[in-house]
Structures are given as structure tokens and as C-alpha cells.
């Protein structure tokens, strides 16, 4: 179960979602030529995963957090601030410098907003970020299927299984109570699904 939490870490969700959509629905990203997709996914990985992860490692090195799993609610505030900053900066980069399509920009901006919302919630309640992230990805995909007829094939079922396994792993490992996992899953899915439905 530990490996599941690592493989489907919240910081990897943007990279996974970008990879799936670029591979199965490249028409959503008109400014990215097929040959440049690997490089673009690498940029997404660096800005939304690698750099936030390095910041968390630095916080652990300077003892601002007691572990990399962020199991203590109060220790999540600083890492979340860093993550929110990187996502906001990434959204600006993709919008202003790379001028990505409206779908990708809507996803990036809404994820940045969701992170800020989770930061506020975390001040009072230890919501599951893993569940929120993976179910958020599923919410985006379901909404794109409904609004644009996006067909991602068997990836759709893979994402559903990943969401279920990730949520179960957080309970099995004892990092969260059921209400924390369910609230994260419902918030992530509903917020992301409605974002696409409203704007597209």
C-alpha cells in the first residue's frame, strides 16, 4: 500500500493527467506539436512536481516538518504555501509565455485554486490531499468526456482504479480517517468536474 501512495502522489497528478490527455486528445493542446509533447510533459513535471518536492525536502532538512508524508496537520501549512506558489507560477508561465489552449489553462488555474482551498481547509481539518488530487484528476476527465466527447480509452478505467486504490491506501496506512478520505475525494471530484462543466 505504501508504494501506491508514492506512485499516485498528489504532486504527480498534473504530470499523469497531462500525459494522458496529450496522448489521447492532442487536439486539446493546439500549440503543442506532437514531437514536442515529451518536452512539454517534462516542463509540467519540473514545475508541478520536482520543484515543489525539492521545497518539501528542504523543509524537512531544516526540521520545519517532521516527515515527508506530512502526517501532522499543522505541519502542512508551509509545504502547501510552496505548492500553491509553484502551481500559480506554472499557470502564469503556461498562460503568458506559452499561450496554451483554454482547456489546459482552465485545469491549471482550477488546480491552483483547489490547492489554495485545501490550504484553508487544512488549517482546521486534516483532509486527504492524496484522495483530493487523484479524484480531482478523475473529475476533470469525466467532465471532458461529457462536454467535449474526449475519449481516453482504457485510461479511464485505470484512473478509476487508481483513485480507489489511492483512497484505500491512505486508510490502510493509518494516515487518515474515513471522513478525511471521503471529504477529499468528494471535494476533488466535484470541484474539478464542475469547473469544466461551468466553463465549457
C-alpha atoms as a PDB file:
ATOM      1  CA  UNK A   1       0.000   0.000   0.000  1.00  0.00           C
ATOM      2  CA  UNK A   2       2.943   2.322   0.633  1.00  0.00           C
ATOM      3  CA  UNK A   3       4.044   2.100  -2.990  1.00  0.00           C
ATOM      4  CA  UNK A   4       0.545   3.098  -4.128  1.00  0.00           C
ATOM      5  CA  UNK A   5       0.723   6.300  -2.087  1.00  0.00           C
ATOM      6  CA  UNK A   6       4.099   7.065  -3.644  1.00  0.00           C
ATOM      7  CA  UNK A   7       3.165   6.221  -7.252  1.00  0.00           C
ATOM      8  CA  UNK A   8      -0.039   8.265  -7.027  1.00  0.00           C
ATOM      9  CA  UNK A   9       1.417  11.109  -5.002  1.00  0.00           C
ATOM     10  CA  UNK A  10      -0.551  14.371  -5.394  1.00  0.00           C
ATOM     11  CA  UNK A  11       2.446  16.143  -6.921  1.00  0.00           C
ATOM     12  CA  UNK A  12       2.451  13.649  -9.804  1.00  0.00           C
ATOM     13  CA  UNK A  13      -1.203  14.100 -10.761  1.00  0.00           C
ATOM     14  CA  UNK A  14      -0.645  17.049 -13.121  1.00  0.00           C
ATOM     15  CA  UNK A  15       2.049  15.088 -14.958  1.00  0.00           C
ATOM     16  CA  UNK A  16      -0.144  11.995 -15.274  1.00  0.00           C
ATOM     17  CA  UNK A  17      -3.174  13.987 -16.426  1.00  0.00           C
ATOM     18  CA  UNK A  18      -1.117  15.940 -18.965  1.00  0.00           C
ATOM     19  CA  UNK A  19       0.429  12.751 -20.319  1.00  0.00           C
ATOM     20  CA  UNK A  20      -2.932  11.017 -20.763  1.00  0.00           C
ATOM     21  CA  UNK A  21      -4.608  13.997 -22.420  1.00  0.00           C
ATOM     22  CA  UNK A  22      -1.649  14.786 -24.670  1.00  0.00           C
ATOM     23  CA  UNK A  23      -1.502  11.162 -25.763  1.00  0.00           C
ATOM     24  CA  UNK A  24      -5.223  10.570 -26.319  1.00  0.00           C
ATOM     25  CA  UNK A  25      -6.562  14.058 -27.131  1.00  0.00           C
ATOM     26  CA  UNK A  26      -3.758  16.194 -28.594  1.00  0.00           C
ATOM     27  CA  UNK A  27      -6.376  18.448 -30.217  1.00  0.00           C
ATOM     28  CA  UNK A  28      -6.925  19.994 -26.790  1.00  0.00           C
ATOM     29  CA  UNK A  29      -3.429  21.486 -26.995  1.00  0.00           C
ATOM     30  CA  UNK A  30      -3.210  23.206 -30.400  1.00  0.00           C
ATOM     31  CA  UNK A  31       0.072  24.979 -29.694  1.00  0.00           C
ATOM     32  CA  UNK A  32       1.984  21.811 -28.833  1.00  0.00           C
ATOM     33  CA  UNK A  33       3.191  19.843 -31.845  1.00  0.00           C
ATOM     34  CA  UNK A  34       3.285  16.054 -31.337  1.00  0.00           C
ATOM     35  CA  UNK A  35       7.097  15.972 -31.454  1.00  0.00           C
ATOM     36  CA  UNK A  36       7.272  18.436 -28.546  1.00  0.00           C
ATOM     37  CA  UNK A  37       4.881  16.594 -26.229  1.00  0.00           C
ATOM     38  CA  UNK A  38       7.615  14.750 -24.249  1.00  0.00           C
ATOM     39  CA  UNK A  39       9.430  18.040 -23.612  1.00  0.00           C
ATOM     40  CA  UNK A  40       6.218  19.751 -22.585  1.00  0.00           C
ATOM     41  CA  UNK A  41       5.304  16.961 -20.157  1.00  0.00           C
ATOM     42  CA  UNK A  42       8.809  17.316 -18.723  1.00  0.00           C
ATOM     43  CA  UNK A  43       8.174  21.018 -18.113  1.00  0.00           C
ATOM     44  CA  UNK A  44       4.913  20.154 -16.358  1.00  0.00           C
ATOM     45  CA  UNK A  45       6.756  17.592 -14.219  1.00  0.00           C
ATOM     46  CA  UNK A  46       9.514  20.028 -13.246  1.00  0.00           C
ATOM     47  CA  UNK A  47       7.203  22.908 -12.357  1.00  0.00           C
ATOM     48  CA  UNK A  48       4.394  20.990 -10.626  1.00  0.00           C
ATOM     49  CA  UNK A  49       6.270  18.062  -9.055  1.00  0.00           C
ATOM     50  CA  UNK A  50      10.042  18.329  -8.913  1.00  0.00           C
ATOM     51  CA  UNK A  51      10.331  21.900  -7.647  1.00  0.00           C
ATOM     52  CA  UNK A  52       7.585  21.552  -5.001  1.00  0.00           C
ATOM     53  CA  UNK A  53       9.140  18.233  -3.905  1.00  0.00           C
ATOM     54  CA  UNK A  54      12.548  19.872  -3.506  1.00  0.00           C
ATOM     55  CA  UNK A  55      10.958  22.564  -1.366  1.00  0.00           C
ATOM     56  CA  UNK A  56       9.402  19.920   0.873  1.00  0.00           C
ATOM     57  CA  UNK A  57      12.775  18.155   1.182  1.00  0.00           C
ATOM     58  CA  UNK A  58      14.352  21.448   2.221  1.00  0.00           C
ATOM     59  CA  UNK A  59      11.657  22.000   4.844  1.00  0.00           C
ATOM     60  CA  UNK A  60      12.382  18.515   6.189  1.00  0.00           C
ATOM     61  CA  UNK A  61      16.151  19.197   6.174  1.00  0.00           C
ATOM     62  CA  UNK A  62      15.639  22.328   8.274  1.00  0.00           C
ATOM     63  CA  UNK A  63      13.203  20.483  10.579  1.00  0.00           C
ATOM     64  CA  UNK A  64      10.189  22.611   9.697  1.00  0.00           C
ATOM     65  CA  UNK A  65       8.328  19.345   9.123  1.00  0.00           C
ATOM     66  CA  UNK A  66       8.869  16.044  10.929  1.00  0.00           C
ATOM     67  CA  UNK A  67       8.343  13.740   7.934  1.00  0.00           C
ATOM     68  CA  UNK A  68       7.840  13.852   4.184  1.00  0.00           C
ATOM     69  CA  UNK A  69       4.360  12.333   4.448  1.00  0.00           C
ATOM     70  CA  UNK A  70       3.120  15.473   6.206  1.00  0.00           C
ATOM     71  CA  UNK A  71       1.104  13.366   8.625  1.00  0.00           C
ATOM     72  CA  UNK A  72       0.760  16.242  11.115  1.00  0.00           C
ATOM     73  CA  UNK A  73      -1.935  18.687  10.074  1.00  0.00           C
ATOM     74  CA  UNK A  74      -0.222  21.805  11.399  1.00  0.00           C
ATOM     75  CA  UNK A  75       2.988  20.972   9.519  1.00  0.00           C
ATOM     76  CA  UNK A  76       1.168  21.043   6.172  1.00  0.00           C
ATOM     77  CA  UNK A  77       0.775  24.827   6.048  1.00  0.00           C
ATOM     78  CA  UNK A  78       4.283  25.757   4.841  1.00  0.00           C
ATOM     79  CA  UNK A  79       4.518  22.986   2.214  1.00  0.00           C
ATOM     80  CA  UNK A  80       1.070  23.890   0.886  1.00  0.00           C
ATOM     81  CA  UNK A  81       2.095  27.524   0.548  1.00  0.00           C
ATOM     82  CA  UNK A  82       5.108  26.458  -1.534  1.00  0.00           C
ATOM     83  CA  UNK A  83       2.996  24.108  -3.672  1.00  0.00           C
ATOM     84  CA  UNK A  84       0.341  26.779  -4.250  1.00  0.00           C
ATOM     85  CA  UNK A  85       3.064  29.223  -5.300  1.00  0.00           C
ATOM     86  CA  UNK A  86       4.588  26.795  -7.810  1.00  0.00           C
ATOM     87  CA  UNK A  87       1.217  25.957  -9.344  1.00  0.00           C
ATOM     88  CA  UNK A  88       0.286  29.625  -9.613  1.00  0.00           C
ATOM     89  CA  UNK A  89       3.665  30.381 -11.207  1.00  0.00           C
ATOM     90  CA  UNK A  90       3.240  27.441 -13.586  1.00  0.00           C
ATOM     91  CA  UNK A  91      -0.212  28.686 -14.587  1.00  0.00           C
ATOM     92  CA  UNK A  92       1.262  32.100 -15.378  1.00  0.00           C
ATOM     93  CA  UNK A  93       4.086  30.509 -17.378  1.00  0.00           C
ATOM     94  CA  UNK A  94       1.726  28.391 -19.467  1.00  0.00           C
ATOM     95  CA  UNK A  95      -0.755  31.242 -19.991  1.00  0.00           C
ATOM     96  CA  UNK A  96       1.511  34.218 -20.636  1.00  0.00           C
ATOM     97  CA  UNK A  97       4.643  32.687 -22.095  1.00  0.00           C
ATOM     98  CA  UNK A  98       3.460  29.516 -23.832  1.00  0.00           C
ATOM     99  CA  UNK A  99      -0.132  30.571 -24.527  1.00  0.00           C
ATOM    100  CA  UNK A 100      -1.599  27.129 -24.045  1.00  0.00           C
ATOM    101  CA  UNK A 101      -5.155  26.270 -25.028  1.00  0.00           C
ATOM    102  CA  UNK A 102      -8.156  27.114 -22.833  1.00  0.00           C
ATOM    103  CA  UNK A 103      -8.654  23.556 -21.575  1.00  0.00           C
ATOM    104  CA  UNK A 104      -5.153  23.186 -20.175  1.00  0.00           C
ATOM    105  CA  UNK A 105      -5.246  26.685 -18.709  1.00  0.00           C
ATOM    106  CA  UNK A 106      -8.608  26.082 -17.053  1.00  0.00           C
ATOM    107  CA  UNK A 107      -7.268  22.881 -15.495  1.00  0.00           C
ATOM    108  CA  UNK A 108      -4.067  24.556 -14.243  1.00  0.00           C
ATOM    109  CA  UNK A 109      -5.834  27.586 -12.786  1.00  0.00           C
ATOM    110  CA  UNK A 110      -8.531  25.481 -11.148  1.00  0.00           C
ATOM    111  CA  UNK A 111      -5.911  23.168  -9.615  1.00  0.00           C
ATOM    112  CA  UNK A 112      -4.059  26.209  -8.247  1.00  0.00           C
ATOM    113  CA  UNK A 113      -7.322  27.433  -6.731  1.00  0.00           C
ATOM    114  CA  UNK A 114      -8.093  23.981  -5.334  1.00  0.00           C
ATOM    115  CA  UNK A 115      -4.689  23.885  -3.622  1.00  0.00           C
ATOM    116  CA  UNK A 116      -5.395  27.264  -2.022  1.00  0.00           C
ATOM    117  CA  UNK A 117      -8.779  25.952  -0.870  1.00  0.00           C
ATOM    118  CA  UNK A 118      -7.170  22.825   0.600  1.00  0.00           C
ATOM    119  CA  UNK A 119      -4.658  25.061   2.386  1.00  0.00           C
ATOM    120  CA  UNK A 120      -7.503  26.928   4.084  1.00  0.00           C
ATOM    121  CA  UNK A 121      -9.337  23.710   4.966  1.00  0.00           C
ATOM    122  CA  UNK A 122      -6.143  22.188   6.384  1.00  0.00           C
ATOM    123  CA  UNK A 123      -5.981  24.930   8.995  1.00  0.00           C
ATOM    124  CA  UNK A 124      -8.957  23.228  10.708  1.00  0.00           C
ATOM    125  CA  UNK A 125      -9.314  19.756   9.213  1.00  0.00           C
ATOM    126  CA  UNK A 126      -6.858  17.097   8.020  1.00  0.00           C
ATOM    127  CA  UNK A 127      -8.410  16.461   4.634  1.00  0.00           C
ATOM    128  CA  UNK A 128      -6.769  13.790   2.457  1.00  0.00           C
ATOM    129  CA  UNK A 129      -4.711  15.512  -0.210  1.00  0.00           C
ATOM    130  CA  UNK A 130      -3.981  12.194  -1.947  1.00  0.00           C
ATOM    131  CA  UNK A 131      -7.700  11.483  -2.317  1.00  0.00           C
ATOM    132  CA  UNK A 132      -8.447  15.042  -3.369  1.00  0.00           C
ATOM    133  CA  UNK A 133      -5.723  15.022  -6.041  1.00  0.00           C
ATOM    134  CA  UNK A 134      -6.486  11.677  -7.675  1.00  0.00           C
ATOM    135  CA  UNK A 135     -10.271  12.178  -7.616  1.00  0.00           C
ATOM    136  CA  UNK A 136      -9.752  15.674  -8.972  1.00  0.00           C
ATOM    137  CA  UNK A 137      -7.994  14.141 -11.966  1.00  0.00           C
ATOM    138  CA  UNK A 138     -10.935  11.794 -12.468  1.00  0.00           C
ATOM    139  CA  UNK A 139     -13.320  14.733 -12.186  1.00  0.00           C
ATOM    140  CA  UNK A 140     -11.537  16.595 -14.965  1.00  0.00           C
ATOM    141  CA  UNK A 141     -11.571  13.550 -17.219  1.00  0.00           C
ATOM    142  CA  UNK A 142     -15.263  12.796 -16.632  1.00  0.00           C
ATOM    143  CA  UNK A 143     -16.189  16.413 -17.356  1.00  0.00           C
ATOM    144  CA  UNK A 144     -14.130  16.478 -20.559  1.00  0.00           C
ATOM    145  CA  UNK A 145     -15.860  13.277 -21.694  1.00  0.00           C
ATOM    146  CA  UNK A 146     -19.278  14.854 -21.064  1.00  0.00           C
ATOM    147  CA  UNK A 147     -18.585  18.298 -22.537  1.00  0.00           C
ATOM    148  CA  UNK A 148     -16.176  17.541 -25.380  1.00  0.00           C
ATOM    149  CA  UNK A 149     -16.543  13.847 -26.046  1.00  0.00           C
ATOM    150  CA  UNK A 150     -12.916  13.203 -25.141  1.00  0.00           C
ATOM    151  CA  UNK A 151     -12.069   9.508 -25.493  1.00  0.00           C
ATOM    152  CA  UNK A 152      -9.130   8.321 -23.399  1.00  0.00           C
ATOM    153  CA  UNK A 153      -9.903   4.629 -23.842  1.00  0.00           C
ATOM    154  CA  UNK A 154      -8.796   2.221 -21.149  1.00  0.00           C
ATOM    155  CA  UNK A 155      -7.040   5.036 -19.268  1.00  0.00           C
ATOM    156  CA  UNK A 156     -10.463   5.998 -17.924  1.00  0.00           C
ATOM    157  CA  UNK A 157     -10.797   2.704 -16.075  1.00  0.00           C
ATOM    158  CA  UNK A 158      -7.172   2.876 -14.969  1.00  0.00           C
ATOM    159  CA  UNK A 159      -7.793   6.279 -13.360  1.00  0.00           C
ATOM    160  CA  UNK A 160     -10.888   4.953 -11.554  1.00  0.00           C
ATOM    161  CA  UNK A 161      -8.876   2.020 -10.182  1.00  0.00           C
ATOM    162  CA  UNK A 162      -6.034   4.357  -9.207  1.00  0.00           C
ATOM    163  CA  UNK A 163      -8.467   6.620  -7.352  1.00  0.00           C
ATOM    164  CA  UNK A 164      -9.910   3.689  -5.432  1.00  0.00           C
ATOM    165  CA  UNK A 165      -6.531   2.180  -4.589  1.00  0.00           C
ATOM    166  CA  UNK A 166      -5.086   5.522  -3.500  1.00  0.00           C
ATOM    167  CA  UNK A 167      -8.001   6.254  -1.190  1.00  0.00           C
ATOM    168  CA  UNK A 168      -7.819   2.742   0.263  1.00  0.00           C
ATOM    169  CA  UNK A 169      -4.061   3.022   0.806  1.00  0.00           C
ATOM    170  CA  UNK A 170      -4.448   6.161   2.914  1.00  0.00           C
ATOM    171  CA  UNK A 171      -6.868   4.313   5.180  1.00  0.00           C
ATOM    172  CA  UNK A 172      -4.794   1.122   5.279  1.00  0.00           C
ATOM    173  CA  UNK A 173      -1.627   3.014   6.213  1.00  0.00           C
ATOM    174  CA  UNK A 174      -3.474   4.790   9.012  1.00  0.00           C
ATOM    175  CA  UNK A 175      -2.723   8.284   7.717  1.00  0.00           C
ATOM    176  CA  UNK A 176      -6.386   9.290   7.532  1.00  0.00           C
ATOM    177  CA  UNK A 177      -9.809   8.577   8.940  1.00  0.00           C
ATOM    178  CA  UNK A 178     -12.615   7.623   6.507  1.00  0.00           C
ATOM    179  CA  UNK A 179     -14.226  11.070   6.758  1.00  0.00           C
ATOM    180  CA  UNK A 180     -10.921  12.709   5.785  1.00  0.00           C
ATOM    181  CA  UNK A 181     -10.559  10.499   2.720  1.00  0.00           C
ATOM    182  CA  UNK A 182     -14.189  10.811   1.654  1.00  0.00           C
ATOM    183  CA  UNK A 183     -14.200  14.591   2.056  1.00  0.00           C
ATOM    184  CA  UNK A 184     -11.010  14.857  -0.006  1.00  0.00           C
ATOM    185  CA  UNK A 185     -12.407  12.610  -2.724  1.00  0.00           C
ATOM    186  CA  UNK A 186     -15.761  14.396  -2.919  1.00  0.00           C
ATOM    187  CA  UNK A 187     -14.216  17.861  -2.891  1.00  0.00           C
ATOM    188  CA  UNK A 188     -11.603  16.997  -5.526  1.00  0.00           C
ATOM    189  CA  UNK A 189     -14.040  15.322  -7.897  1.00  0.00           C
ATOM    190  CA  UNK A 190     -16.909  17.808  -7.523  1.00  0.00           C
ATOM    191  CA  UNK A 191     -14.723  20.899  -7.791  1.00  0.00           C
ATOM    192  CA  UNK A 192     -12.863  19.712 -10.881  1.00  0.00           C
ATOM    193  CA  UNK A 193     -15.923  18.298 -12.614  1.00  0.00           C
ATOM    194  CA  UNK A 194     -17.950  21.463 -12.083  1.00  0.00           C
ATOM    195  CA  UNK A 195     -15.077  23.680 -13.192  1.00  0.00           C
ATOM    196  CA  UNK A 196     -15.056  22.119 -16.660  1.00  0.00           C
ATOM    197  CA  UNK A 197     -18.846  21.925 -16.862  1.00  0.00           C
ATOM    198  CA  UNK A 198     -19.229  25.620 -15.988  1.00  0.00           C
ATOM    199  CA  UNK A 199     -16.519  26.951 -18.303  1.00  0.00           C
ATOM    200  CA  UNK A 200     -17.043  24.610 -21.247  1.00  0.00           C
END
